[in-house]
Every structure is written in C-alpha cells, then in structure tokens.
Amino acid sequence: VQLQASGGGLVQAGGSLRLSCAASGFTSDDYIIGWFRQAPGKEREGISCISSRDDLTDYADSMKGRFTISRDNARNTVYPQMNSLKPEDTALYYCTRSLRDWGQGTLVTVSS
C-alpha cells in the first residue's frame, strides 16, 4: 500500500492550499482516509477524514469552516482544500488509510 501526499508549500496567512493523497496498492473499497498534522514541538493532531463508501466526513474543531475534504474514487485520491490559512497551521501534513497505512507527509508553511 502506498499513500502519496502532495500539495504542500509556502503560503501567506489568509491564503489557500489544496493538498492531495493518492492511495494505491490495495483492493478494498471500504476504508477511511484521514489527515493528520504535526507541528514542531507539538503532538500529532487529527484534522479530517472521509470514508470511501459514503463520503462521510469529519473535521477537527480547529479546521471547521476552513477545511473541506473531497475524494475522487476513480483515482483513489483525496483532496483537502485548506482556506484562510494561519501561521499556526504550519505543520507536516500526512494522510493515512484506516490508521494502518501512512504516507510520508507534505510540509505546509504559512507566513505571517
């Protein structure tokens, strides 16, 4: 199983980024893609997830209203759209498939 996260970069406060997580190497159609982030010196934080079968989503309180997650089932890819970014959103963002498989992460840096 491979999870390839991408889309991170440097953005000014108030800006937007669209991340992606491309999953491959499995046949199950019943799983959850979750997104976590970890800032330097802080604990890992779960921020969002989406289910594969019915597109149910959930968001951490810190991301509600600013973060929208969607999926393209044909490509097994999940797209988190992050808006109104803040410097405190600076972190390594990575995705997981059902908490069993983990990607390598993509770095998001928000400048003030």
Protein backbone atom coordinates (compact mmCIF):
# COMPACT_ATOMS: atom_id res chain seq x y z
CA VAL A 1 0.00 0.00 0.00
CA GLN A 2 1.28 3.43 -0.91
CA LEU A 3 -0.03 6.81 0.14
CA GLN A 4 1.43 9.78 -1.68
CA ALA A 5 0.69 13.16 -0.11
CA SER A 6 1.43 16.32 -2.06
CA GLY A 7 0.41 19.93 -2.47
CA GLY A 8 2.20 21.50 0.46
CA GLY A 9 4.25 24.65 0.19
CA LEU A 10 4.76 28.17 1.42
CA VAL A 11 1.73 30.42 1.56
CA GLN A 12 0.92 33.73 3.20
CA ALA A 13 -1.58 33.97 6.00
CA GLY A 14 -5.09 34.08 4.61
CA GLY A 15 -4.11 32.05 1.59
CA SER A 16 -5.22 28.62 0.44
CA LEU A 17 -3.67 25.30 -0.43
CA ARG A 18 -5.10 22.16 -1.94
CA LEU A 19 -3.42 19.01 -0.75
CA SER A 20 -3.87 15.56 -2.20
CA CYS A 21 -3.41 11.99 -1.05
CA ALA A 22 -3.16 9.34 -3.74
CA ALA A 23 -3.66 5.81 -2.45
CA SER A 24 -2.67 2.65 -4.30
CA GLY A 25 -1.77 -0.98 -3.79
CA PHE A 26 -4.97 -2.31 -2.25
CA THR A 27 -8.32 -3.65 -3.44
CA SER A 28 -10.65 -2.90 -0.56
CA ASP A 29 -13.35 -0.32 -1.25
CA ASP A 30 -14.19 0.14 2.41
CA TYR A 31 -11.72 2.36 4.19
CA ILE A 32 -11.23 5.79 5.65
CA ILE A 33 -8.65 8.33 4.57
CA GLY A 34 -7.62 10.51 7.46
CA TRP A 35 -5.44 13.58 7.59
CA PHE A 36 -3.15 14.42 10.47
CA ARG A 37 -0.65 17.15 11.04
CA GLN A 38 2.27 17.63 13.35
CA ALA A 39 3.91 20.95 14.06
CA PRO A 40 7.42 21.21 15.51
CA GLY A 41 7.35 20.50 19.22
CA LYS A 42 3.68 19.58 19.20
CA GLU A 43 1.74 16.37 19.28
CA ARG A 44 0.18 14.88 16.20
CA GLU A 45 -3.32 16.19 15.58
CA GLY A 46 -6.09 14.56 13.61
CA ILE A 47 -7.79 17.13 11.41
CA SER A 48 -10.13 15.41 8.98
CA CYS A 49 -11.28 12.16 7.47
CA ILE A 50 -13.51 10.87 4.71
CA SER A 51 -15.00 7.43 4.17
CA SER A 52 -14.69 5.62 0.87
CA ARG A 53 -18.17 4.17 0.57
CA ASP A 54 -20.47 7.02 1.53
CA ASP A 55 -18.22 10.12 1.61
CA LEU A 56 -18.97 10.83 5.25
CA THR A 57 -16.60 13.49 6.52
CA ASP A 58 -15.45 14.78 9.86
CA TYR A 59 -13.33 17.74 10.86
CA ALA A 60 -11.44 18.85 13.92
CA ASP A 61 -12.85 21.97 15.52
CA SER A 62 -9.70 23.87 14.55
CA MET A 63 -10.41 23.23 10.88
CA LYS A 64 -14.19 23.58 10.65
CA GLY A 65 -15.17 26.26 8.19
CA ARG A 66 -11.70 26.42 6.67
CA PHE A 67 -11.05 22.87 5.55
CA THR A 68 -13.05 20.85 3.04
CA ILE A 69 -12.20 17.31 2.10
CA SER A 70 -13.38 15.55 -1.05
CA ARG A 71 -12.46 12.44 -2.98
CA ASP A 72 -12.13 11.10 -6.49
CA ASN A 73 -12.92 7.41 -6.23
CA ALA A 74 -11.78 6.68 -9.76
CA ARG A 75 -8.31 7.90 -8.84
CA ASN A 76 -8.33 6.77 -5.20
CA THR A 77 -7.33 10.30 -4.36
CA VAL A 78 -8.49 12.56 -1.56
CA TYR A 79 -8.27 16.34 -1.80
CA PRO A 80 -8.26 18.54 1.30
CA GLN A 81 -8.85 22.18 0.47
CA MET A 82 -7.46 24.48 3.13
CA ASN A 83 -8.56 28.11 3.18
CA SER A 84 -7.89 31.11 5.41
CA LEU A 85 -4.61 29.60 6.49
CA LYS A 86 -2.96 30.85 9.65
CA PRO A 87 0.67 30.70 10.79
CA GLU A 88 -0.38 28.14 13.40
CA ASP A 89 -1.40 25.82 10.55
CA THR A 90 2.29 25.37 9.76
CA ALA A 91 2.99 21.65 10.08
CA LEU A 92 3.79 18.44 8.31
CA TYR A 93 0.52 17.11 6.92
CA TYR A 94 0.12 13.45 6.17
CA CYS A 95 -2.59 11.01 5.30
CA THR A 96 -3.46 7.55 6.49
CA ARG A 97 -5.66 4.75 5.24
CA SER A 98 -7.71 3.47 8.14
CA LEU A 99 -4.82 4.20 10.53
CA ARG A 100 -2.95 1.21 9.11
CA ASP A 101 -1.01 2.71 6.25
CA TRP A 102 0.69 6.11 6.36
CA GLY A 103 2.10 8.46 3.77
CA GLN A 104 5.31 10.43 4.09
CA GLY A 105 3.72 13.82 4.54
CA THR A 106 3.79 17.18 2.82
CA LEU A 107 5.03 20.34 4.52
CA VAL A 108 2.77 23.37 4.82
CA THR A 109 4.34 26.64 5.90
CA VAL A 110 2.17 29.69 6.49
CA SER A 111 3.94 33.01 6.80
CA SER A 112 2.52 35.94 8.72
